[in-house]
Amino acid sequence: MNEITLYHYLFLGLALFVIGIAGSILSKHVIKVLISIEFILTGVNINFVTFASYCDNINFNGYVMALFYVAIGAVELAVALYIFYLMYEKKQSENIDKYGDL
């Protein structure tokens, strides 16, 4: 009864994904939106690793995809922060509503 099953991991991944979606839709701050996107990627990674450990005993496809998504997430965050830095120099605001000309 106390062991952690597949459903616990799937619920954790789903919860992180939903928190990320809600945060990216409801937030007006650029940094909060970027963090919400990272929550989305973390939820997807948890699901990849969960299915790789529970269902795939021969290949490591889930682990490879999770590692690929971590690399993509790091590059995405670096590029987005640089773009935000360039836009912040012009507008001097963190509010997303002021960046409609993107």
PDB file of N, CA and C in Angstrom:
ATOM      1  N   MET A   1       0.811  -1.203   0.000  1.00  0.00           N
ATOM      2  CA  MET A   1       0.000   0.000   0.000  1.00  0.00           C
ATOM      3  C   MET A   1       0.853   1.265   0.000  1.00  0.00           C
ATOM      4  N   ASN A   2       2.042   1.187   0.577  1.00  0.00           N
ATOM      5  CA  ASN A   2       2.876   2.376   0.689  1.00  0.00           C
ATOM      6  C   ASN A   2       3.881   2.530  -0.445  1.00  0.00           C
ATOM      7  N   GLU A   3       3.905   1.615  -1.385  1.00  0.00           N
ATOM      8  CA  GLU A   3       4.884   1.733  -2.452  1.00  0.00           C
ATOM      9  C   GLU A   3       4.389   2.715  -3.524  1.00  0.00           C
ATOM     10  N   ILE A   4       5.340   3.327  -4.179  1.00  0.00           N
ATOM     11  CA  ILE A   4       5.029   4.312  -5.216  1.00  0.00           C
ATOM     12  C   ILE A   4       4.858   3.570  -6.535  1.00  0.00           C
ATOM     13  N   THR A   5       3.710   3.762  -7.160  1.00  0.00           N
ATOM     14  CA  THR A   5       3.389   3.041  -8.392  1.00  0.00           C
ATOM     15  C   THR A   5       3.510   3.966  -9.600  1.00  0.00           C
ATOM     16  N   LEU A   6       3.171   3.407 -10.747  1.00  0.00           N
ATOM     17  CA  LEU A   6       3.198   4.154 -11.999  1.00  0.00           C
ATOM     18  C   LEU A   6       2.263   5.361 -11.942  1.00  0.00           C
ATOM     19  N   TYR A   7       1.123   5.187 -11.321  1.00  0.00           N
ATOM     20  CA  TYR A   7       0.119   6.254 -11.284  1.00  0.00           C
ATOM     21  C   TYR A   7       0.567   7.459 -10.466  1.00  0.00           C
ATOM     22  N   HIS A   8       1.370   7.239  -9.457  1.00  0.00           N
ATOM     23  CA  HIS A   8       1.894   8.357  -8.671  1.00  0.00           C
ATOM     24  C   HIS A   8       2.797   9.255  -9.531  1.00  0.00           C
ATOM     25  N   TYR A   9       3.662   8.618 -10.291  1.00  0.00           N
ATOM     26  CA  TYR A   9       4.556   9.381 -11.163  1.00  0.00           C
ATOM     27  C   TYR A   9       3.780  10.099 -12.275  1.00  0.00           C
ATOM     28  N   LEU A  10       2.787   9.405 -12.825  1.00  0.00           N
ATOM     29  CA  LEU A  10       1.979  10.036 -13.874  1.00  0.00           C
ATOM     30  C   LEU A  10       1.184  11.217 -13.325  1.00  0.00           C
ATOM     31  N   PHE A  11       0.677  11.091 -12.106  1.00  0.00           N
ATOM     32  CA  PHE A  11      -0.039  12.211 -11.498  1.00  0.00           C
ATOM     33  C   PHE A  11       0.897  13.377 -11.239  1.00  0.00           C
ATOM     34  N   LEU A  12       2.117  13.101 -10.789  1.00  0.00           N
ATOM     35  CA  LEU A  12       3.091  14.173 -10.573  1.00  0.00           C
ATOM     36  C   LEU A  12       3.422  14.891 -11.878  1.00  0.00           C
ATOM     37  N   GLY A  13       3.635  14.129 -12.948  1.00  0.00           N
ATOM     38  CA  GLY A  13       3.903  14.732 -14.254  1.00  0.00           C
ATOM     39  C   GLY A  13       2.730  15.555 -14.747  1.00  0.00           C
ATOM     40  N   LEU A  14       1.511  15.032 -14.554  1.00  0.00           N
ATOM     41  CA  LEU A  14       0.315  15.767 -14.961  1.00  0.00           C
ATOM     42  C   LEU A  14       0.149  17.037 -14.150  1.00  0.00           C
ATOM     43  N   ALA A  15       0.403  16.965 -12.845  1.00  0.00           N
ATOM     44  CA  ALA A  15       0.267  18.148 -11.995  1.00  0.00           C
ATOM     45  C   ALA A  15       1.258  19.234 -12.408  1.00  0.00           C
ATOM     46  N   LEU A  16       2.496  18.867 -12.673  1.00  0.00           N
ATOM     47  CA  LEU A  16       3.478  19.855 -13.117  1.00  0.00           C
ATOM     48  C   LEU A  16       3.100  20.438 -14.474  1.00  0.00           C
ATOM     49  N   PHE A  17       2.593  19.603 -15.369  1.00  0.00           N
ATOM     50  CA  PHE A  17       2.180  20.080 -16.688  1.00  0.00           C
ATOM     51  C   PHE A  17       1.025  21.068 -16.570  1.00  0.00           C
ATOM     52  N   VAL A  18       0.028  20.762 -15.741  1.00  0.00           N
ATOM     53  CA  VAL A  18      -1.127  21.657 -15.577  1.00  0.00           C
ATOM     54  C   VAL A  18      -0.718  22.952 -14.884  1.00  0.00           C
ATOM     55  N   ILE A  19       0.158  22.881 -13.889  1.00  0.00           N
ATOM     56  CA  ILE A  19       0.653  24.100 -13.234  1.00  0.00           C
ATOM     57  C   ILE A  19       1.399  24.968 -14.245  1.00  0.00           C
ATOM     58  N   GLY A  20       2.193  24.357 -15.107  1.00  0.00           N
ATOM     59  CA  GLY A  20       2.919  25.105 -16.131  1.00  0.00           C
ATOM     60  C   GLY A  20       1.995  25.763 -17.136  1.00  0.00           C
ATOM     61  N   ILE A  21       0.971  25.034 -17.589  1.00  0.00           N
ATOM     62  CA  ILE A  21       0.010  25.606 -18.533  1.00  0.00           C
ATOM     63  C   ILE A  21      -0.736  26.772 -17.894  1.00  0.00           C
ATOM     64  N   ALA A  22      -1.214  26.575 -16.663  1.00  0.00           N
ATOM     65  CA  ALA A  22      -1.945  27.643 -15.976  1.00  0.00           C
ATOM     66  C   ALA A  22      -1.050  28.853 -15.734  1.00  0.00           C
ATOM     67  N   GLY A  23       0.185  28.614 -15.357  1.00  0.00           N
ATOM     68  CA  GLY A  23       1.105  29.729 -15.116  1.00  0.00           C
ATOM     69  C   GLY A  23       1.446  30.495 -16.375  1.00  0.00           C
ATOM     70  N   SER A  24       1.596  29.799 -17.481  1.00  0.00           N
ATOM     71  CA  SER A  24       1.936  30.496 -18.721  1.00  0.00           C
ATOM     72  C   SER A  24       0.734  31.258 -19.284  1.00  0.00           C
ATOM     73  N   ILE A  25      -0.476  30.800 -19.008  1.00  0.00           N
ATOM     74  CA  ILE A  25      -1.659  31.509 -19.495  1.00  0.00           C
ATOM     75  C   ILE A  25      -2.003  32.692 -18.596  1.00  0.00           C
ATOM     76  N   LEU A  26      -1.914  32.517 -17.285  1.00  0.00           N
ATOM     77  CA  LEU A  26      -2.399  33.530 -16.351  1.00  0.00           C
ATOM     78  C   LEU A  26      -1.375  34.599 -15.990  1.00  0.00           C
ATOM     79  N   SER A  27      -0.100  34.346 -16.194  1.00  0.00           N
ATOM     80  CA  SER A  27       0.926  35.278 -15.744  1.00  0.00           C
ATOM     81  C   SER A  27       1.154  36.394 -16.761  1.00  0.00           C
ATOM     82  N   LYS A  28       1.438  37.577 -16.258  1.00  0.00           N
ATOM     83  CA  LYS A  28       1.765  38.726 -17.099  1.00  0.00           C
ATOM     84  C   LYS A  28       3.253  39.062 -17.060  1.00  0.00           C
ATOM     85  N   HIS A  29       4.007  38.363 -16.256  1.00  0.00           N
ATOM     86  CA  HIS A  29       5.429  38.626 -16.098  1.00  0.00           C
ATOM     87  C   HIS A  29       6.218  37.652 -16.970  1.00  0.00           C
ATOM     88  N   VAL A  30       7.205  38.144 -17.682  1.00  0.00           N
ATOM     89  CA  VAL A  30       7.940  37.336 -18.651  1.00  0.00           C
ATOM     90  C   VAL A  30       8.709  36.199 -17.977  1.00  0.00           C
ATOM     91  N   ILE A  31       9.344  36.484 -16.866  1.00  0.00           N
ATOM     92  CA  ILE A  31      10.136  35.468 -16.177  1.00  0.00           C
ATOM     93  C   ILE A  31       9.235  34.360 -15.644  1.00  0.00           C
ATOM     94  N   LYS A  32       8.053  34.710 -15.152  1.00  0.00           N
ATOM     95  CA  LYS A  32       7.113  33.694 -14.671  1.00  0.00           C
ATOM     96  C   LYS A  32       6.634  32.799 -15.812  1.00  0.00           C
ATOM     97  N   VAL A  33       6.454  33.355 -16.986  1.00  0.00           N
ATOM     98  CA  VAL A  33       6.061  32.545 -18.138  1.00  0.00           C
ATOM     99  C   VAL A  33       7.179  31.577 -18.511  1.00  0.00           C
ATOM    100  N   LEU A  34       8.421  32.020 -18.470  1.00  0.00           N
ATOM    101  CA  LEU A  34       9.547  31.130 -18.778  1.00  0.00           C
ATOM    102  C   LEU A  34       9.663  30.004 -17.754  1.00  0.00           C
ATOM    103  N   ILE A  35       9.449  30.325 -16.482  1.00  0.00           N
ATOM    104  CA  ILE A  35       9.483  29.292 -15.452  1.00  0.00           C
ATOM    105  C   ILE A  35       8.330  28.317 -15.647  1.00  0.00           C
ATOM    106  N   SER A  36       7.170  28.810 -16.061  1.00  0.00           N
ATOM    107  CA  SER A  36       6.026  27.937 -16.318  1.00  0.00           C
ATOM    108  C   SER A  36       6.307  26.991 -17.477  1.00  0.00           C
ATOM    109  N   ILE A  37       6.993  27.474 -18.492  1.00  0.00           N
ATOM    110  CA  ILE A  37       7.370  26.602 -19.610  1.00  0.00           C
ATOM    111  C   ILE A  37       8.341  25.516 -19.138  1.00  0.00           C
ATOM    112  N   GLU A  38       9.224  25.860 -18.224  1.00  0.00           N
ATOM    113  CA  GLU A  38      10.118  24.854 -17.656  1.00  0.00           C
ATOM    114  C   GLU A  38       9.346  23.821 -16.838  1.00  0.00           C
ATOM    115  N   PHE A  39       8.280  24.242 -16.157  1.00  0.00           N
ATOM    116  CA  PHE A  39       7.417  23.283 -15.449  1.00  0.00           C
ATOM    117  C   PHE A  39       6.778  22.313 -16.436  1.00  0.00           C
ATOM    118  N   ILE A  40       6.343  22.829 -17.575  1.00  0.00           N
ATOM    119  CA  ILE A  40       5.745  21.968 -18.604  1.00  0.00           C
ATOM    120  C   ILE A  40       6.763  20.928 -19.077  1.00  0.00           C
ATOM    121  N   LEU A  41       7.975  21.363 -19.365  1.00  0.00           N
ATOM    122  CA  LEU A  41       9.008  20.433 -19.818  1.00  0.00           C
ATOM    123  C   LEU A  41       9.369  19.422 -18.732  1.00  0.00           C
ATOM    124  N   THR A  42       9.354  19.839 -17.475  1.00  0.00           N
ATOM    125  CA  THR A  42       9.648  18.911 -16.381  1.00  0.00           C
ATOM    126  C   THR A  42       8.566  17.855 -16.247  1.00  0.00           C
ATOM    127  N   GLY A  43       7.303  18.252 -16.401  1.00  0.00           N
ATOM    128  CA  GLY A  43       6.213  17.274 -16.367  1.00  0.00           C
ATOM    129  C   GLY A  43       6.324  16.256 -17.483  1.00  0.00           C
ATOM    130  N   VAL A  44       6.696  16.704 -18.667  1.00  0.00           N
ATOM    131  CA  VAL A  44       6.877  15.788 -19.802  1.00  0.00           C
ATOM    132  C   VAL A  44       8.061  14.859 -19.543  1.00  0.00           C
ATOM    133  N   ASN A  45       9.139  15.392 -18.986  1.00  0.00           N
ATOM    134  CA  ASN A  45      10.305  14.562 -18.685  1.00  0.00           C
ATOM    135  C   ASN A  45       9.986  13.479 -17.662  1.00  0.00           C
ATOM    136  N   ILE A  46       9.202  13.825 -16.652  1.00  0.00           N
ATOM    137  CA  ILE A  46       8.818  12.828 -15.647  1.00  0.00           C
ATOM    138  C   ILE A  46       8.032  11.701 -16.305  1.00  0.00           C
ATOM    139  N   ASN A  47       7.151  12.034 -17.224  1.00  0.00           N
ATOM    140  CA  ASN A  47       6.392  10.992 -17.918  1.00  0.00           C
ATOM    141  C   ASN A  47       7.289  10.127 -18.802  1.00  0.00           C
ATOM    142  N   PHE A  48       8.240  10.729 -19.498  1.00  0.00           N
ATOM    143  CA  PHE A  48       9.165   9.949 -20.323  1.00  0.00           C
ATOM    144  C   PHE A  48       9.971   8.966 -19.475  1.00  0.00           C
ATOM    145  N   VAL A  49      10.517   9.437 -18.365  1.00  0.00           N
ATOM    146  CA  VAL A  49      11.329   8.575 -17.514  1.00  0.00           C
ATOM    147  C   VAL A  49      10.468   7.509 -16.851  1.00  0.00           C
ATOM    148  N   THR A  50       9.235   7.872 -16.488  1.00  0.00           N
ATOM    149  CA  THR A  50       8.330   6.895 -15.878  1.00  0.00           C
ATOM    150  C   THR A  50       8.023   5.758 -16.841  1.00  0.00           C
ATOM    151  N   PHE A  51       7.640   6.086 -18.054  1.00  0.00           N
ATOM    152  CA  PHE A  51       7.342   5.030 -19.013  1.00  0.00           C
ATOM    153  C   PHE A  51       8.584   4.253 -19.417  1.00  0.00           C
ATOM    154  N   ALA A  52       9.740   4.905 -19.422  1.00  0.00           N
ATOM    155  CA  ALA A  52      10.965   4.181 -19.750  1.00  0.00           C
ATOM    156  C   ALA A  52      11.319   3.185 -18.650  1.00  0.00           C
ATOM    157  N   SER A  53      11.096   3.546 -17.403  1.00  0.00           N
ATOM    158  CA  SER A  53      11.470   2.638 -16.320  1.00  0.00           C
ATOM    159  C   SER A  53      10.432   1.542 -16.091  1.00  0.00           C
ATOM    160  N   TYR A  54       9.163   1.830 -16.357  1.00  0.00           N
ATOM    161  CA  TYR A  54       8.129   0.822 -16.116  1.00  0.00           C
ATOM    162  C   TYR A  54       7.839  -0.055 -17.340  1.00  0.00           C
ATOM    163  N   CYS A  55       8.007   0.454 -18.532  1.00  0.00           N
ATOM    164  CA  CYS A  55       7.569  -0.276 -19.725  1.00  0.00           C
ATOM    165  C   CYS A  55       8.701  -0.703 -20.654  1.00  0.00           C
ATOM    166  N   ASP A  56       9.802   0.003 -20.666  1.00  0.00           N
ATOM    167  CA  ASP A  56      10.858  -0.239 -21.649  1.00  0.00           C
ATOM    168  C   ASP A  56      12.091  -0.792 -20.945  1.00  0.00           C
ATOM    169  N   ASN A  57      12.234  -2.110 -20.924  1.00  0.00           N
ATOM    170  CA  ASN A  57      13.358  -2.716 -20.224  1.00  0.00           C
ATOM    171  C   ASN A  57      14.565  -2.962 -21.122  1.00  0.00           C
ATOM    172  N   ILE A  58      14.379  -2.867 -22.428  1.00  0.00           N
ATOM    173  CA  ILE A  58      15.472  -3.179 -23.352  1.00  0.00           C
ATOM    174  C   ILE A  58      16.134  -1.900 -23.864  1.00  0.00           C
ATOM    175  N   ASN A  59      15.336  -0.990 -24.417  1.00  0.00           N
ATOM    176  CA  ASN A  59      15.876   0.256 -24.958  1.00  0.00           C
ATOM    177  C   ASN A  59      15.778   1.361 -23.907  1.00  0.00           C
ATOM    178  N   PHE A  60      16.521   2.410 -24.132  1.00  0.00           N
ATOM    179  CA  PHE A  60      16.502   3.556 -23.231  1.00  0.00           C
ATOM    180  C   PHE A  60      15.911   4.771 -23.926  1.00  0.00           C
ATOM    181  N   ASN A  61      14.851   4.582 -24.702  1.00  0.00           N
ATOM    182  CA  ASN A  61      14.280   5.675 -25.483  1.00  0.00           C
ATOM    183  C   ASN A  61      13.723   6.785 -24.597  1.00  0.00           C
ATOM    184  N   GLY A  62      13.060   6.433 -23.521  1.00  0.00           N
ATOM    185  CA  GLY A  62      12.494   7.453 -22.632  1.00  0.00           C
ATOM    186  C   GLY A  62      13.566   8.292 -21.972  1.00  0.00           C
ATOM    187  N   TYR A  63      14.655   7.641 -21.562  1.00  0.00           N
ATOM    188  CA  TYR A  63      15.740   8.379 -20.933  1.00  0.00           C
ATOM    189  C   TYR A  63      16.442   9.297 -21.929  1.00  0.00           C
ATOM    190  N   VAL A  64      16.607   8.818 -23.135  1.00  0.00           N
ATOM    191  CA  VAL A  64      17.251   9.637 -24.175  1.00  0.00           C
ATOM    192  C   VAL A  64      16.386  10.848 -24.502  1.00  0.00           C
ATOM    193  N   MET A  65      15.071  10.648 -24.612  1.00  0.00           N
ATOM    194  CA  MET A  65      14.171  11.772 -24.879  1.00  0.00           C
ATOM    195  C   MET A  65      14.170  12.767 -23.733  1.00  0.00           C
ATOM    196  N   ALA A  66      14.217  12.284 -22.497  1.00  0.00           N
ATOM    197  CA  ALA A  66      14.261  13.187 -21.346  1.00  0.00           C
ATOM    198  C   ALA A  66      15.553  13.996 -21.344  1.00  0.00           C
ATOM    199  N   LEU A  67      16.660  13.350 -21.659  1.00  0.00           N
ATOM    200  CA  LEU A  67      17.931  14.063 -21.728  1.00  0.00           C
ATOM    201  C   LEU A  67      17.918  15.083 -22.864  1.00  0.00           C
ATOM    202  N   PHE A  68      17.320  14.723 -23.984  1.00  0.00           N
ATOM    203  CA  PHE A  68      17.185  15.646 -25.106  1.00  0.00           C
ATOM    204  C   PHE A  68      16.330  16.848 -24.711  1.00  0.00           C
ATOM    205  N   TYR A  69      15.230  16.614 -23.987  1.00  0.00           N
ATOM    206  CA  TYR A  69      14.369  17.723 -23.565  1.00  0.00           C
ATOM    207  C   TYR A  69      15.052  18.620 -22.545  1.00  0.00           C
ATOM    208  N   VAL A  70      15.911  18.074 -21.705  1.00  0.00           N
ATOM    209  CA  VAL A  70      16.660  18.916 -20.768  1.00  0.00           C
ATOM    210  C   VAL A  70      17.592  19.844 -21.538  1.00  0.00           C
ATOM    211  N   ALA A  71      18.257  19.312 -22.559  1.00  0.00           N
ATOM    212  CA  ALA A  71      19.148  20.142 -23.376  1.00  0.00           C
ATOM    213  C   ALA A  71      18.354  21.197 -24.136  1.00  0.00           C
ATOM    214  N   ILE A  72      17.215  20.812 -24.707  1.00  0.00           N
ATOM    215  CA  ILE A  72      16.375  21.773 -25.429  1.00  0.00           C
ATOM    216  C   ILE A  72      15.857  22.845 -24.468  1.00  0.00           C
ATOM    217  N   GLY A  73      15.475  22.446 -23.265  1.00  0.00           N
ATOM    218  CA  GLY A  73      14.989  23.408 -22.275  1.00  0.00           C
ATOM    219  C   GLY A  73      16.056  24.412 -21.873  1.00  0.00           C
ATOM    220  N   ALA A  74      17.293  23.964 -21.729  1.00  0.00           N
ATOM    221  CA  ALA A  74      18.376  24.877 -21.377  1.00  0.00           C
ATOM    222  C   ALA A  74      18.645  25.875 -22.494  1.00  0.00           C
ATOM    223  N   VAL A  75      18.662  25.398 -23.720  1.00  0.00           N
ATOM    224  CA  VAL A  75      18.887  26.295 -24.860  1.00  0.00           C
ATOM    225  C   VAL A  75      17.718  27.263 -25.016  1.00  0.00           C
ATOM    226  N   GLU A  76      16.499  26.754 -24.853  1.00  0.00           N
ATOM    227  CA  GLU A  76      15.306  27.602 -24.971  1.00  0.00           C
ATOM    228  C   GLU A  76      15.317  28.701 -23.922  1.00  0.00           C
ATOM    229  N   LEU A  77      15.695  28.357 -22.699  1.00  0.00           N
ATOM    230  CA  LEU A  77      15.725  29.353 -21.635  1.00  0.00           C
ATOM    231  C   LEU A  77      16.803  30.399 -21.884  1.00  0.00           C
ATOM    232  N   ALA A  78      17.954  29.982 -22.354  1.00  0.00           N
ATOM    233  CA  ALA A  78      19.032  30.934 -22.625  1.00  0.00           C
ATOM    234  C   ALA A  78      18.651  31.899 -23.745  1.00  0.00           C
ATOM    235  N   VAL A  79      18.068  31.382 -24.814  1.00  0.00           N
ATOM    236  CA  VAL A  79      17.662  32.245 -25.932  1.00  0.00           C
ATOM    237  C   VAL A  79      16.530  33.173 -25.510  1.00  0.00           C
ATOM    238  N   ALA A  80      15.562  32.657 -24.765  1.00  0.00           N
ATOM    239  CA  ALA A  80      14.439  33.493 -24.331  1.00  0.00           C
ATOM    240  C   ALA A  80      14.897  34.587 -23.367  1.00  0.00           C
ATOM    241  N   LEU A  81      15.814  34.278 -22.472  1.00  0.00           N
ATOM    242  CA  LEU A  81      16.317  35.309 -21.564  1.00  0.00           C
ATOM    243  C   LEU A  81      17.107  36.377 -22.317  1.00  0.00           C
ATOM    244  N   TYR A  82      17.845  35.995 -23.334  1.00  0.00           N
ATOM    245  CA  TYR A  82      18.577  36.973 -24.125  1.00  0.00           C
ATOM    246  C   TYR A  82      17.620  37.878 -24.909  1.00  0.00           C
ATOM    247  N   ILE A  83      16.582  37.281 -25.481  1.00  0.00           N
ATOM    248  CA  ILE A  83      15.585  38.087 -26.194  1.00  0.00           C
ATOM    249  C   ILE A  83      14.875  39.029 -25.231  1.00  0.00           C
ATOM    250  N   PHE A  84      14.538  38.519 -24.047  1.00  0.00           N
ATOM    251  CA  PHE A  84      13.906  39.371 -23.048  1.00  0.00           C
ATOM    252  C   PHE A  84      14.828  40.502 -22.617  1.00  0.00           C
ATOM    253  N   TYR A  85      16.112  40.225 -22.476  1.00  0.00           N
ATOM    254  CA  TYR A  85      17.069  41.264 -22.103  1.00  0.00           C
ATOM    255  C   TYR A  85      17.123  42.364 -23.172  1.00  0.00           C
ATOM    256  N   LEU A  86      17.149  41.971 -24.433  1.00  0.00           N
ATOM    257  CA  LEU A  86      17.176  42.956 -25.516  1.00  0.00           C
ATOM    258  C   LEU A  86      15.886  43.783 -25.551  1.00  0.00           C
ATOM    259  N   MET A  87      14.753  43.136 -25.307  1.00  0.00           N
ATOM    260  CA  MET A  87      13.484  43.859 -25.310  1.00  0.00           C
ATOM    261  C   MET A  87      13.350  44.740 -24.069  1.00  0.00           C
ATOM    262  N   TYR A  88      13.894  44.291 -22.936  1.00  0.00           N
ATOM    263  CA  TYR A  88      13.815  45.085 -21.710  1.00  0.00           C
ATOM    264  C   TYR A  88      14.621  46.367 -21.831  1.00  0.00           C
ATOM    265  N   GLU A  89      15.711  46.326 -22.581  1.00  0.00           N
ATOM    266  CA  GLU A  89      16.501  47.543 -22.782  1.00  0.00           C
ATOM    267  C   GLU A  89      15.695  48.621 -23.496  1.00  0.00           C
ATOM    268  N   LYS A  90      14.760  48.234 -24.368  1.00  0.00           N
ATOM    269  CA  LYS A  90      13.960  49.204 -25.103  1.00  0.00           C
ATOM    270  C   LYS A  90      12.736  49.666 -24.325  1.00  0.00           C
ATOM    271  N   LYS A  91      12.018  48.737 -23.684  1.00  0.00           N
ATOM    272  CA  LYS A  91      10.733  49.062 -23.044  1.00  0.00           C
ATOM    273  C   LYS A  91      10.842  49.360 -21.558  1.00  0.00           C
ATOM    274  N   GLN A  92      11.848  48.863 -20.872  1.00  0.00           N
ATOM    275  CA  GLN A  92      12.039  49.030 -19.431  1.00  0.00           C
ATOM    276  C   GLN A  92      10.843  48.520 -18.620  1.00  0.00           C
ATOM    277  N   SER A  93      10.290  47.379 -19.016  1.00  0.00           N
ATOM    278  CA  SER A  93       9.157  46.789 -18.301  1.00  0.00           C
ATOM    279  C   SER A  93       9.200  45.282 -18.441  1.00  0.00           C
ATOM    280  N   GLU A  94       8.687  44.586 -17.392  1.00  0.00           N
ATOM    281  CA  GLU A  94       8.614  43.121 -17.426  1.00  0.00           C
ATOM    282  C   GLU A  94       7.233  42.641 -17.825  1.00  0.00           C
ATOM    283  N   ASN A  95       6.283  43.537 -18.025  1.00  0.00           N
ATOM    284  CA  ASN A  95       4.905  43.174 -18.327  1.00  0.00           C
ATOM    285  C   ASN A  95       4.788  42.699 -19.777  1.00  0.00           C
ATOM    286  N   ILE A  96       4.116  41.585 -19.975  1.00  0.00           N
ATOM    287  CA  ILE A  96       3.992  41.006 -21.319  1.00  0.00           C
ATOM    288  C   ILE A  96       3.132  41.891 -22.219  1.00  0.00           C
ATOM    289  N   ASP A  97       2.177  42.602 -21.660  1.00  0.00           N
ATOM    290  CA  ASP A  97       1.277  43.421 -22.470  1.00  0.00           C
ATOM    291  C   ASP A  97       2.006  44.527 -23.231  1.00  0.00           C
ATOM    292  N   LYS A  98       3.163  44.939 -22.744  1.00  0.00           N
ATOM    293  CA  LYS A  98       3.920  46.002 -23.422  1.00  0.00           C
ATOM    294  C   LYS A  98       4.769  45.472 -24.564  1.00  0.00           C
ATOM    295  N   TYR A  99       4.838  44.167 -24.726  1.00  0.00           N
ATOM    296  CA  TYR A  99       5.646  43.560 -25.770  1.00  0.00           C
ATOM    297  C   TYR A  99       4.778  43.024 -26.899  1.00  0.00           C
ATOM    298  N   GLY A 100       3.760  43.728 -27.293  1.00  0.00           N
ATOM    299  CA  GLY A 100       2.879  43.287 -28.360  1.00  0.00           C
ATOM    300  C   GLY A 100       3.492  43.407 -29.742  1.00  0.00           C
ATOM    301  N   ASP A 101       4.561  44.179 -29.889  1.00  0.00           N
ATOM    302  CA  ASP A 101       5.172  44.389 -31.189  1.00  0.00           C
ATOM    303  C   ASP A 101       6.159  43.280 -31.575  1.00  0.00           C
ATOM    304  N   LEU A 102       6.272  42.238 -30.777  1.00  0.00           N
ATOM    305  CA  LEU A 102       7.190  41.146 -31.081  1.00  0.00           C
ATOM    306  C   LEU A 102       6.680  40.382 -32.297  1.00  0.00           C
TER     307      LEU A 102
END
